[in-house]
Every structure is written in structure tokens, then in C-alpha cells.
Amino acid sequence: MDKGATMKIIIDEDECIGCGICAEMCPEDVLEVDEEEEVCKVVRPDDCIECEACSVNCEYEAVQCVQED
């Protein structure tokens, strides 16, 4: 990754079923399940350590980590 670039977590709410696997796999508690909307949400983006565990473990391909400049 380029210096100065950061990762942004994007959740496709049409694909997300709110199972919470991404939130469970995140070592920094960046994600939480919104029980009312039944989808995961990025609640602490500044705490992301860019490990991509959320996207790698989402079997619905609802979570993407994209590089931002």
C-alpha cells in the first residue's frame, strides 16, 4: 500500500444479511450489526488497522476494502 493511503470499508447493504461474521472477525470492533436494519455498519472507521478480515470472511461478498488516497 502507498504511504498516505488508507482503507475504506464499504458494505453493500443489498448483499449484507446482518450475520455479523465481519464484526466478529474484526480485531478492532470497527463494525457492528444494526439490529433494526439487519445489516452491518462501519461504526469506528478510524480504528481500522486495514487487516481486511471483514471482507475476507464475508461469505456473501457484502464487504469490500478499498484503498483511498
PDB file of N, CA and C in Angstrom:
ATOM      1  N   MET A   1       0.839  -1.183   0.000  1.00  0.00           N
ATOM      2  CA  MET A   1       0.000   0.000   0.000  1.00  0.00           C
ATOM      3  C   MET A   1       0.877   1.237   0.000  1.00  0.00           C
ATOM      4  N   ASP A   2       0.424   2.264  -0.685  1.00  0.00           N
ATOM      5  CA  ASP A   2       1.160   3.513  -0.741  1.00  0.00           C
ATOM      6  C   ASP A   2       1.104   4.229   0.594  1.00  0.00           C
ATOM      7  N   LYS A   3       2.201   4.907   0.934  1.00  0.00           N
ATOM      8  CA  LYS A   3       2.191   5.725   2.141  1.00  0.00           C
ATOM      9  C   LYS A   3       1.159   6.820   1.979  1.00  0.00           C
ATOM     10  N   GLY A   4       0.430   7.075   3.036  1.00  0.00           N
ATOM     11  CA  GLY A   4      -0.592   8.107   2.995  1.00  0.00           C
ATOM     12  C   GLY A   4      -1.944   7.604   2.543  1.00  0.00           C
ATOM     13  N   ALA A   5      -1.994   6.425   1.952  1.00  0.00           N
ATOM     14  CA  ALA A   5      -3.267   5.858   1.529  1.00  0.00           C
ATOM     15  C   ALA A   5      -3.912   5.155   2.721  1.00  0.00           C
ATOM     16  N   THR A   6      -5.225   5.106   2.710  1.00  0.00           N
ATOM     17  CA  THR A   6      -5.959   4.421   3.768  1.00  0.00           C
ATOM     18  C   THR A   6      -6.992   3.503   3.149  1.00  0.00           C
ATOM     19  N   MET A   7      -7.453   2.572   3.944  1.00  0.00           N
ATOM     20  CA  MET A   7      -8.501   1.657   3.513  1.00  0.00           C
ATOM     21  C   MET A   7      -9.852   2.205   3.936  1.00  0.00           C
ATOM     22  N   LYS A   8     -10.813   2.034   3.082  1.00  0.00           N
ATOM     23  CA  LYS A   8     -12.189   2.368   3.418  1.00  0.00           C
ATOM     24  C   LYS A   8     -12.994   1.086   3.323  1.00  0.00           C
ATOM     25  N   ILE A   9     -13.811   0.829   4.317  1.00  0.00           N
ATOM     26  CA  ILE A   9     -14.669  -0.351   4.322  1.00  0.00           C
ATOM     27  C   ILE A   9     -16.018   0.047   3.756  1.00  0.00           C
ATOM     28  N   ILE A  10     -16.441  -0.686   2.740  1.00  0.00           N
ATOM     29  CA  ILE A  10     -17.742  -0.434   2.117  1.00  0.00           C
ATOM     30  C   ILE A  10     -18.602  -1.675   2.288  1.00  0.00           C
ATOM     31  N   ILE A  11     -19.800  -1.491   2.808  1.00  0.00           N
ATOM     32  CA  ILE A  11     -20.732  -2.593   2.987  1.00  0.00           C
ATOM     33  C   ILE A  11     -21.892  -2.420   2.023  1.00  0.00           C
ATOM     34  N   ASP A  12     -22.078  -3.434   1.174  1.00  0.00           N
ATOM     35  CA  ASP A  12     -23.198  -3.451   0.234  1.00  0.00           C
ATOM     36  C   ASP A  12     -24.420  -3.946   1.000  1.00  0.00           C
ATOM     37  N   GLU A  13     -25.270  -3.024   1.385  1.00  0.00           N
ATOM     38  CA  GLU A  13     -26.422  -3.365   2.215  1.00  0.00           C
ATOM     39  C   GLU A  13     -27.444  -4.224   1.482  1.00  0.00           C
ATOM     40  N   ASP A  14     -27.378  -4.284   0.158  1.00  0.00           N
ATOM     41  CA  ASP A  14     -28.261  -5.176  -0.596  1.00  0.00           C
ATOM     42  C   ASP A  14     -27.803  -6.627  -0.480  1.00  0.00           C
ATOM     43  N   GLU A  15     -26.503  -6.830  -0.265  1.00  0.00           N
ATOM     44  CA  GLU A  15     -25.944  -8.179  -0.150  1.00  0.00           C
ATOM     45  C   GLU A  15     -25.804  -8.636   1.305  1.00  0.00           C
ATOM     46  N   CYS A  16     -25.632  -7.678   2.218  1.00  0.00           N
ATOM     47  CA  CYS A  16     -25.427  -7.996   3.629  1.00  0.00           C
ATOM     48  C   CYS A  16     -26.713  -8.547   4.242  1.00  0.00           C
ATOM     49  N   ILE A  17     -26.576  -9.658   4.986  1.00  0.00           N
ATOM     50  CA  ILE A  17     -27.731 -10.242   5.669  1.00  0.00           C
ATOM     51  C   ILE A  17     -27.693  -9.990   7.177  1.00  0.00           C
ATOM     52  N   GLY A  18     -26.668  -9.268   7.625  1.00  0.00           N
ATOM     53  CA  GLY A  18     -26.561  -8.939   9.042  1.00  0.00           C
ATOM     54  C   GLY A  18     -26.147 -10.105   9.915  1.00  0.00           C
ATOM     55  N   CYS A  19     -25.411 -11.054   9.347  1.00  0.00           N
ATOM     56  CA  CYS A  19     -24.993 -12.236  10.118  1.00  0.00           C
ATOM     57  C   CYS A  19     -23.972 -11.893  11.194  1.00  0.00           C
ATOM     58  N   GLY A  20     -23.199 -10.830  10.983  1.00  0.00           N
ATOM     59  CA  GLY A  20     -22.241 -10.370  11.985  1.00  0.00           C
ATOM     60  C   GLY A  20     -20.876 -11.021  11.936  1.00  0.00           C
ATOM     61  N   ILE A  21     -20.636 -11.887  10.950  1.00  0.00           N
ATOM     62  CA  ILE A  21     -19.322 -12.534  10.849  1.00  0.00           C
ATOM     63  C   ILE A  21     -18.220 -11.485  10.701  1.00  0.00           C
ATOM     64  N   CYS A  22     -18.443 -10.483   9.863  1.00  0.00           N
ATOM     65  CA  CYS A  22     -17.420  -9.450   9.662  1.00  0.00           C
ATOM     66  C   CYS A  22     -17.116  -8.731  10.971  1.00  0.00           C
ATOM     67  N   ALA A  23     -18.151  -8.427  11.726  1.00  0.00           N
ATOM     68  CA  ALA A  23     -17.965  -7.742  13.003  1.00  0.00           C
ATOM     69  C   ALA A  23     -17.217  -8.629  13.998  1.00  0.00           C
ATOM     70  N   GLU A  24     -17.529  -9.923  14.008  1.00  0.00           N
ATOM     71  CA  GLU A  24     -16.850 -10.855  14.904  1.00  0.00           C
ATOM     72  C   GLU A  24     -15.375 -11.003  14.546  1.00  0.00           C
ATOM     73  N   MET A  25     -15.067 -10.973  13.268  1.00  0.00           N
ATOM     74  CA  MET A  25     -13.699 -11.181  12.819  1.00  0.00           C
ATOM     75  C   MET A  25     -12.827  -9.937  12.967  1.00  0.00           C
ATOM     76  N   CYS A  26     -13.429  -8.779  13.110  1.00  0.00           N
ATOM     77  CA  CYS A  26     -12.673  -7.536  13.219  1.00  0.00           C
ATOM     78  C   CYS A  26     -12.009  -7.431  14.593  1.00  0.00           C
ATOM     79  N   PRO A  27     -10.674  -7.362  14.629  1.00  0.00           N
ATOM     80  CA  PRO A  27      -9.985  -7.288  15.918  1.00  0.00           C
ATOM     81  C   PRO A  27     -10.116  -5.938  16.619  1.00  0.00           C
ATOM     82  N   GLU A  28     -10.607  -4.932  15.914  1.00  0.00           N
ATOM     83  CA  GLU A  28     -10.699  -3.581  16.483  1.00  0.00           C
ATOM     84  C   GLU A  28     -12.134  -3.094  16.677  1.00  0.00           C
ATOM     85  N   ASP A  29     -13.117  -3.960  16.508  1.00  0.00           N
ATOM     86  CA  ASP A  29     -14.535  -3.606  16.689  1.00  0.00           C
ATOM     87  C   ASP A  29     -14.962  -2.413  15.841  1.00  0.00           C
ATOM     88  N   VAL A  30     -14.512  -2.412  14.595  1.00  0.00           N
ATOM     89  CA  VAL A  30     -14.847  -1.330  13.666  1.00  0.00           C
ATOM     90  C   VAL A  30     -16.290  -1.464  13.169  1.00  0.00           C
ATOM     91  N   LEU A  31     -16.784  -2.699  13.128  1.00  0.00           N
ATOM     92  CA  LEU A  31     -18.114  -2.977  12.583  1.00  0.00           C
ATOM     93  C   LEU A  31     -19.069  -3.448  13.669  1.00  0.00           C
ATOM     94  N   GLU A  32     -20.352  -3.153  13.471  1.00  0.00           N
ATOM     95  CA  GLU A  32     -21.405  -3.641  14.366  1.00  0.00           C
ATOM     96  C   GLU A  32     -22.632  -3.978  13.533  1.00  0.00           C
ATOM     97  N   VAL A  33     -23.415  -4.914  14.031  1.00  0.00           N
ATOM     98  CA  VAL A  33     -24.671  -5.257  13.375  1.00  0.00           C
ATOM     99  C   VAL A  33     -25.724  -4.256  13.821  1.00  0.00           C
ATOM    100  N   ASP A  34     -26.398  -3.654  12.847  1.00  0.00           N
ATOM    101  CA  ASP A  34     -27.533  -2.785  13.126  1.00  0.00           C
ATOM    102  C   ASP A  34     -28.749  -3.709  13.181  1.00  0.00           C
ATOM    103  N   GLU A  35     -29.192  -4.022  14.385  1.00  0.00           N
ATOM    104  CA  GLU A  35     -30.277  -4.981  14.582  1.00  0.00           C
ATOM    105  C   GLU A  35     -31.574  -4.537  13.901  1.00  0.00           C
ATOM    106  N   GLU A  36     -31.824  -3.244  13.903  1.00  0.00           N
ATOM    107  CA  GLU A  36     -33.060  -2.719  13.314  1.00  0.00           C
ATOM    108  C   GLU A  36     -33.074  -2.886  11.799  1.00  0.00           C
ATOM    109  N   GLU A  37     -31.951  -2.556  11.151  1.00  0.00           N
ATOM    110  CA  GLU A  37     -31.873  -2.642   9.692  1.00  0.00           C
ATOM    111  C   GLU A  37     -31.375  -4.003   9.208  1.00  0.00           C
ATOM    112  N   GLU A  38     -30.896  -4.837  10.135  1.00  0.00           N
ATOM    113  CA  GLU A  38     -30.387  -6.180   9.836  1.00  0.00           C
ATOM    114  C   GLU A  38     -29.241  -6.172   8.820  1.00  0.00           C
ATOM    115  N   VAL A  39     -28.321  -5.226   9.012  1.00  0.00           N
ATOM    116  CA  VAL A  39     -27.099  -5.142   8.205  1.00  0.00           C
ATOM    117  C   VAL A  39     -25.962  -4.702   9.118  1.00  0.00           C
ATOM    118  N   CYS A  40     -24.745  -4.949   8.664  1.00  0.00           N
ATOM    119  CA  CYS A  40     -23.584  -4.469   9.403  1.00  0.00           C
ATOM    120  C   CYS A  40     -23.274  -3.040   8.989  1.00  0.00           C
ATOM    121  N   LYS A  41     -22.734  -2.298   9.929  1.00  0.00           N
ATOM    122  CA  LYS A  41     -22.379  -0.900   9.699  1.00  0.00           C
ATOM    123  C   LYS A  41     -20.956  -0.656  10.174  1.00  0.00           C
ATOM    124  N   VAL A  42     -20.286   0.262   9.512  1.00  0.00           N
ATOM    125  CA  VAL A  42     -18.968   0.719   9.947  1.00  0.00           C
ATOM    126  C   VAL A  42     -19.221   1.794  10.993  1.00  0.00           C
ATOM    127  N   VAL A  43     -18.831   1.512  12.237  1.00  0.00           N
ATOM    128  CA  VAL A  43     -19.127   2.447  13.324  1.00  0.00           C
ATOM    129  C   VAL A  43     -17.885   3.155  13.866  1.00  0.00           C
ATOM    130  N   ARG A  44     -16.708   2.573  13.652  1.00  0.00           N
ATOM    131  CA  ARG A  44     -15.466   3.189  14.111  1.00  0.00           C
ATOM    132  C   ARG A  44     -14.396   3.092  13.023  1.00  0.00           C
ATOM    133  N   PRO A  45     -14.590   3.797  11.914  1.00  0.00           N
ATOM    134  CA  PRO A  45     -13.652   3.662  10.787  1.00  0.00           C
ATOM    135  C   PRO A  45     -12.224   4.069  11.126  1.00  0.00           C
ATOM    136  N   ASP A  46     -12.047   4.995  12.038  1.00  0.00           N
ATOM    137  CA  ASP A  46     -10.696   5.444  12.394  1.00  0.00           C
ATOM    138  C   ASP A  46      -9.898   4.380  13.153  1.00  0.00           C
ATOM    139  N   ASP A  47     -10.576   3.362  13.664  1.00  0.00           N
ATOM    140  CA  ASP A  47      -9.903   2.294  14.400  1.00  0.00           C
ATOM    141  C   ASP A  47      -9.443   1.154  13.492  1.00  0.00           C
ATOM    142  N   CYS A  48      -9.779   1.220  12.205  1.00  0.00           N
ATOM    143  CA  CYS A  48      -9.434   0.151  11.263  1.00  0.00           C
ATOM    144  C   CYS A  48      -7.915   0.020  11.138  1.00  0.00           C
ATOM    145  N   ILE A  49      -7.427  -1.218  11.244  1.00  0.00           N
ATOM    146  CA  ILE A  49      -5.993  -1.479  11.099  1.00  0.00           C
ATOM    147  C   ILE A  49      -5.681  -2.084   9.727  1.00  0.00           C
ATOM    148  N   GLU A  50      -6.659  -2.082   8.841  1.00  0.00           N
ATOM    149  CA  GLU A  50      -6.505  -2.495   7.451  1.00  0.00           C
ATOM    150  C   GLU A  50      -6.086  -3.956   7.291  1.00  0.00           C
ATOM    151  N   CYS A  51      -6.597  -4.815   8.164  1.00  0.00           N
ATOM    152  CA  CYS A  51      -6.267  -6.238   8.087  1.00  0.00           C
ATOM    153  C   CYS A  51      -7.132  -6.976   7.065  1.00  0.00           C
ATOM    154  N   GLU A  52      -8.254  -6.379   6.696  1.00  0.00           N
ATOM    155  CA  GLU A  52      -9.199  -6.921   5.714  1.00  0.00           C
ATOM    156  C   GLU A  52      -9.879  -8.205   6.161  1.00  0.00           C
ATOM    157  N   ALA A  53      -9.840  -8.513   7.453  1.00  0.00           N
ATOM    158  CA  ALA A  53     -10.510  -9.710   7.966  1.00  0.00           C
ATOM    159  C   ALA A  53     -12.014  -9.656   7.701  1.00  0.00           C
ATOM    160  N   CYS A  54     -12.580  -8.480   7.718  1.00  0.00           N
ATOM    161  CA  CYS A  54     -14.018  -8.335   7.482  1.00  0.00           C
ATOM    162  C   CYS A  54     -14.400  -8.785   6.075  1.00  0.00           C
ATOM    163  N   SER A  55     -13.659  -8.321   5.085  1.00  0.00           N
ATOM    164  CA  SER A  55     -14.003  -8.656   3.703  1.00  0.00           C
ATOM    165  C   SER A  55     -13.633 -10.095   3.349  1.00  0.00           C
ATOM    166  N   VAL A  56     -12.520 -10.570   3.855  1.00  0.00           N
ATOM    167  CA  VAL A  56     -12.071 -11.933   3.555  1.00  0.00           C
ATOM    168  C   VAL A  56     -13.060 -12.965   4.102  1.00  0.00           C
ATOM    169  N   ASN A  57     -13.663 -12.682   5.245  1.00  0.00           N
ATOM    170  CA  ASN A  57     -14.534 -13.647   5.898  1.00  0.00           C
ATOM    171  C   ASN A  57     -16.013 -13.495   5.572  1.00  0.00           C
ATOM    172  N   CYS A  58     -16.379 -12.515   4.768  1.00  0.00           N
ATOM    173  CA  CYS A  58     -17.787 -12.346   4.396  1.00  0.00           C
ATOM    174  C   CYS A  58     -18.126 -13.294   3.251  1.00  0.00           C
ATOM    175  N   GLU A  59     -18.909 -14.323   3.547  1.00  0.00           N
ATOM    176  CA  GLU A  59     -19.252 -15.294   2.508  1.00  0.00           C
ATOM    177  C   GLU A  59     -20.283 -14.759   1.516  1.00  0.00           C
ATOM    178  N   TYR A  60     -20.862 -13.609   1.801  1.00  0.00           N
ATOM    179  CA  TYR A  60     -21.850 -13.005   0.902  1.00  0.00           C
ATOM    180  C   TYR A  60     -21.234 -11.927   0.015  1.00  0.00           C
ATOM    181  N   GLU A  61     -19.934 -11.705   0.168  1.00  0.00           N
ATOM    182  CA  GLU A  61     -19.210 -10.690  -0.584  1.00  0.00           C
ATOM    183  C   GLU A  61     -19.852  -9.316  -0.464  1.00  0.00           C
ATOM    184  N   ALA A  62     -20.346  -9.033   0.739  1.00  0.00           N
ATOM    185  CA  ALA A  62     -21.005  -7.762   1.005  1.00  0.00           C
ATOM    186  C   ALA A  62     -20.052  -6.694   1.524  1.00  0.00           C
ATOM    187  N   VAL A  63     -18.838  -7.114   1.919  1.00  0.00           N
ATOM    188  CA  VAL A  63     -17.871  -6.181   2.500  1.00  0.00           C
ATOM    189  C   VAL A  63     -16.676  -6.061   1.557  1.00  0.00           C
ATOM    190  N   GLN A  64     -16.336  -4.828   1.247  1.00  0.00           N
ATOM    191  CA  GLN A  64     -15.158  -4.565   0.411  1.00  0.00           C
ATOM    192  C   GLN A  64     -14.262  -3.572   1.131  1.00  0.00           C
ATOM    193  N   CYS A  65     -12.979  -3.779   0.989  1.00  0.00           N
ATOM    194  CA  CYS A  65     -11.986  -2.832   1.489  1.00  0.00           C
ATOM    195  C   CYS A  65     -11.334  -2.196   0.265  1.00  0.00           C
ATOM    196  N   VAL A  66     -11.460  -0.890   0.162  1.00  0.00           N
ATOM    197  CA  VAL A  66     -10.905  -0.194  -0.997  1.00  0.00           C
ATOM    198  C   VAL A  66      -9.871   0.819  -0.527  1.00  0.00           C
ATOM    199  N   GLN A  67      -8.848   0.959  -1.316  1.00  0.00           N
ATOM    200  CA  GLN A  67      -7.772   1.902  -0.998  1.00  0.00           C
ATOM    201  C   GLN A  67      -8.180   3.307  -1.400  1.00  0.00           C
ATOM    202  N   GLU A  68      -7.975   4.239  -0.493  1.00  0.00           N
ATOM    203  CA  GLU A  68      -8.221   5.657  -0.775  1.00  0.00           C
ATOM    204  C   GLU A  68      -6.905   6.410  -0.674  1.00  0.00           C
ATOM    205  N   ASP A  69      -6.788   7.462  -1.439  1.00  0.00           N
ATOM    206  CA  ASP A  69      -5.595   8.319  -1.361  1.00  0.00           C
ATOM    207  C   ASP A  69      -5.821   9.436  -0.381  1.00  0.00           C
TER     208      ASP A  69
END
